[in-house]
Amino acid sequence: MRITEQQVRYVAGLANLRLTADETARMAREMDEILSHMDKLNELDTGGVEPMAQVLFDAPDDATLRADEERTPLPNELALANAPVSGMGFFKVPRVIEK
């Protein structure tokens, strides 16, 4: 296994996640499977494939983009309506950086 449970716990700590022992083991296993799949993809010969910005059909560069249209912004009160904690017009969140 290339991803260790210690590495999973480290990344979970960076993300401020609390994982149980079972979740840590499952995440290590699943992340290892993802890396194994990436190794298989890296075996493909892509030497003759042109680089692409998007996987599309023959179309103009802006074919998938919507037109810019001015819209009324969401009112502050409505944006904060479902916030667990807010104050002075802002979302309040717990401190995550100790330094």
C-alpha atoms as a PDB file:
ATOM      1  CA  MET A   1       0.000   0.000   0.000  1.00  0.00           C
ATOM      2  CA  ARG A   2       1.499   3.346  -1.045  1.00  0.00           C
ATOM      3  CA  ILE A   3      -0.781   5.517   1.086  1.00  0.00           C
ATOM      4  CA  THR A   4      -0.311   4.851   4.771  1.00  0.00           C
ATOM      5  CA  GLU A   5      -2.858   5.481   7.490  1.00  0.00           C
ATOM      6  CA  GLN A   6      -0.401   7.931   9.029  1.00  0.00           C
ATOM      7  CA  GLN A   7      -0.472   9.970   5.793  1.00  0.00           C
ATOM      8  CA  VAL A   8      -4.278   9.889   5.790  1.00  0.00           C
ATOM      9  CA  ARG A   9      -4.355  11.130   9.393  1.00  0.00           C
ATOM     10  CA  TYR A  10      -1.883  13.906   8.496  1.00  0.00           C
ATOM     11  CA  VAL A  11      -3.987  15.119   5.556  1.00  0.00           C
ATOM     12  CA  ALA A  12      -7.167  14.815   7.616  1.00  0.00           C
ATOM     13  CA  GLY A  13      -5.523  16.999  10.256  1.00  0.00           C
ATOM     14  CA  LEU A  14      -4.662  19.619   7.641  1.00  0.00           C
ATOM     15  CA  ALA A  15      -8.303  19.589   6.531  1.00  0.00           C
ATOM     16  CA  ASN A  16      -9.456  19.749  10.155  1.00  0.00           C
ATOM     17  CA  LEU A  17     -11.299  16.427   9.809  1.00  0.00           C
ATOM     18  CA  ARG A  18     -11.780  13.893  12.566  1.00  0.00           C
ATOM     19  CA  LEU A  19     -11.722  10.376  11.146  1.00  0.00           C
ATOM     20  CA  THR A  20     -12.413   7.164  13.029  1.00  0.00           C
ATOM     21  CA  ALA A  21      -9.965   4.264  12.732  1.00  0.00           C
ATOM     22  CA  ASP A  22     -12.324   2.551  10.277  1.00  0.00           C
ATOM     23  CA  GLU A  23     -12.624   5.709   8.156  1.00  0.00           C
ATOM     24  CA  THR A  24      -8.843   6.157   8.144  1.00  0.00           C
ATOM     25  CA  ALA A  25      -8.307   2.585   6.949  1.00  0.00           C
ATOM     26  CA  ARG A  26     -11.015   2.944   4.280  1.00  0.00           C
ATOM     27  CA  MET A  27      -9.578   6.260   3.034  1.00  0.00           C
ATOM     28  CA  ALA A  28      -6.071   4.777   2.814  1.00  0.00           C
ATOM     29  CA  ARG A  29      -7.414   1.834   0.814  1.00  0.00           C
ATOM     30  CA  GLU A  30      -9.507   4.015  -1.519  1.00  0.00           C
ATOM     31  CA  MET A  31      -6.707   6.514  -2.105  1.00  0.00           C
ATOM     32  CA  ASP A  32      -4.360   3.650  -2.915  1.00  0.00           C
ATOM     33  CA  GLU A  33      -6.876   2.312  -5.452  1.00  0.00           C
ATOM     34  CA  ILE A  34      -7.050   5.767  -7.063  1.00  0.00           C
ATOM     35  CA  LEU A  35      -3.256   5.876  -7.393  1.00  0.00           C
ATOM     36  CA  SER A  36      -3.260   2.373  -8.892  1.00  0.00           C
ATOM     37  CA  HIS A  37      -5.793   3.532 -11.472  1.00  0.00           C
ATOM     38  CA  MET A  38      -3.635   6.574 -12.262  1.00  0.00           C
ATOM     39  CA  ASP A  39      -0.670   4.235 -12.842  1.00  0.00           C
ATOM     40  CA  LYS A  40      -2.743   2.329 -15.396  1.00  0.00           C
ATOM     41  CA  LEU A  41      -3.668   5.578 -17.143  1.00  0.00           C
ATOM     42  CA  ASN A  42       0.002   6.595 -17.238  1.00  0.00           C
ATOM     43  CA  GLU A  43       0.756   3.429 -19.238  1.00  0.00           C
ATOM     44  CA  LEU A  44      -1.253   4.776 -22.197  1.00  0.00           C
ATOM     45  CA  ASP A  45       0.739   6.115 -25.143  1.00  0.00           C
ATOM     46  CA  THR A  46      -0.415   9.702 -25.622  1.00  0.00           C
ATOM     47  CA  GLY A  47       2.522  10.778 -27.777  1.00  0.00           C
ATOM     48  CA  GLY A  48       0.425  11.455 -30.888  1.00  0.00           C
ATOM     49  CA  VAL A  49      -2.448  13.155 -29.099  1.00  0.00           C
ATOM     50  CA  GLU A  50      -2.759  16.912 -29.521  1.00  0.00           C
ATOM     51  CA  PRO A  51      -3.109  18.853 -26.256  1.00  0.00           C
ATOM     52  CA  MET A  52      -6.615  20.171 -25.633  1.00  0.00           C
ATOM     53  CA  ALA A  53      -8.029  22.906 -23.466  1.00  0.00           C
ATOM     54  CA  GLN A  54     -11.423  21.172 -23.298  1.00  0.00           C
ATOM     55  CA  VAL A  55     -12.852  17.915 -24.513  1.00  0.00           C
ATOM     56  CA  LEU A  56     -15.445  19.183 -26.979  1.00  0.00           C
ATOM     57  CA  PHE A  57     -16.625  18.775 -30.516  1.00  0.00           C
ATOM     58  CA  ASP A  58     -15.598  21.104 -33.354  1.00  0.00           C
ATOM     59  CA  ALA A  59     -17.011  24.397 -32.158  1.00  0.00           C
ATOM     60  CA  PRO A  60     -15.931  27.950 -31.494  1.00  0.00           C
ATOM     61  CA  ASP A  61     -13.813  28.538 -28.378  1.00  0.00           C
ATOM     62  CA  ASP A  62     -16.759  30.113 -26.538  1.00  0.00           C
ATOM     63  CA  ALA A  63     -19.345  27.486 -27.508  1.00  0.00           C
ATOM     64  CA  THR A  64     -19.874  26.220 -23.955  1.00  0.00           C
ATOM     65  CA  LEU A  65     -19.798  29.583 -22.240  1.00  0.00           C
ATOM     66  CA  ARG A  66     -22.936  31.459 -21.357  1.00  0.00           C
ATOM     67  CA  ALA A  67     -23.295  35.121 -22.152  1.00  0.00           C
ATOM     68  CA  ASP A  68     -22.378  37.523 -19.355  1.00  0.00           C
ATOM     69  CA  GLU A  69     -25.546  39.057 -18.056  1.00  0.00           C
ATOM     70  CA  GLU A  70     -25.810  41.532 -15.220  1.00  0.00           C
ATOM     71  CA  ARG A  71     -27.872  40.179 -12.338  1.00  0.00           C
ATOM     72  CA  THR A  72     -28.961  41.630  -9.041  1.00  0.00           C
ATOM     73  CA  PRO A  73     -26.662  40.316  -6.298  1.00  0.00           C
ATOM     74  CA  LEU A  74     -28.024  38.219  -3.449  1.00  0.00           C
ATOM     75  CA  PRO A  75     -29.012  40.452  -0.517  1.00  0.00           C
ATOM     76  CA  ASN A  76     -26.692  40.109   2.480  1.00  0.00           C
ATOM     77  CA  GLU A  77     -29.521  39.132   4.833  1.00  0.00           C
ATOM     78  CA  LEU A  78     -30.620  36.328   2.508  1.00  0.00           C
ATOM     79  CA  ALA A  79     -27.036  35.089   2.055  1.00  0.00           C
ATOM     80  CA  LEU A  80     -26.600  34.855   5.830  1.00  0.00           C
ATOM     81  CA  ALA A  81     -30.079  33.456   6.546  1.00  0.00           C
ATOM     82  CA  ASN A  82     -28.896  29.835   6.948  1.00  0.00           C
ATOM     83  CA  ALA A  83     -25.506  30.579   8.500  1.00  0.00           C
ATOM     84  CA  PRO A  84     -25.008  28.835  11.838  1.00  0.00           C
ATOM     85  CA  VAL A  85     -23.296  31.960  13.203  1.00  0.00           C
ATOM     86  CA  SER A  86     -23.062  35.410  11.681  1.00  0.00           C
ATOM     87  CA  GLY A  87     -22.352  38.911  12.845  1.00  0.00           C
ATOM     88  CA  MET A  88     -21.832  42.401  11.447  1.00  0.00           C
ATOM     89  CA  GLY A  89     -22.889  41.166   7.999  1.00  0.00           C
ATOM     90  CA  PHE A  90     -20.358  38.333   7.763  1.00  0.00           C
ATOM     91  CA  PHE A  91     -20.184  34.562   8.267  1.00  0.00           C
ATOM     92  CA  LYS A  92     -18.454  33.663  11.525  1.00  0.00           C
ATOM     93  CA  VAL A  93     -16.342  30.523  11.460  1.00  0.00           C
ATOM     94  CA  PRO A  94     -14.087  28.848  14.005  1.00  0.00           C
ATOM     95  CA  ARG A  95     -10.379  29.669  13.882  1.00  0.00           C
ATOM     96  CA  VAL A  96      -8.531  26.955  11.959  1.00  0.00           C
ATOM     97  CA  ILE A  97      -5.053  28.470  11.759  1.00  0.00           C
ATOM     98  CA  GLU A  98      -3.261  28.568  15.079  1.00  0.00           C
ATOM     99  CA  LYS A  99      -0.255  30.680  14.008  1.00  0.00           C
END
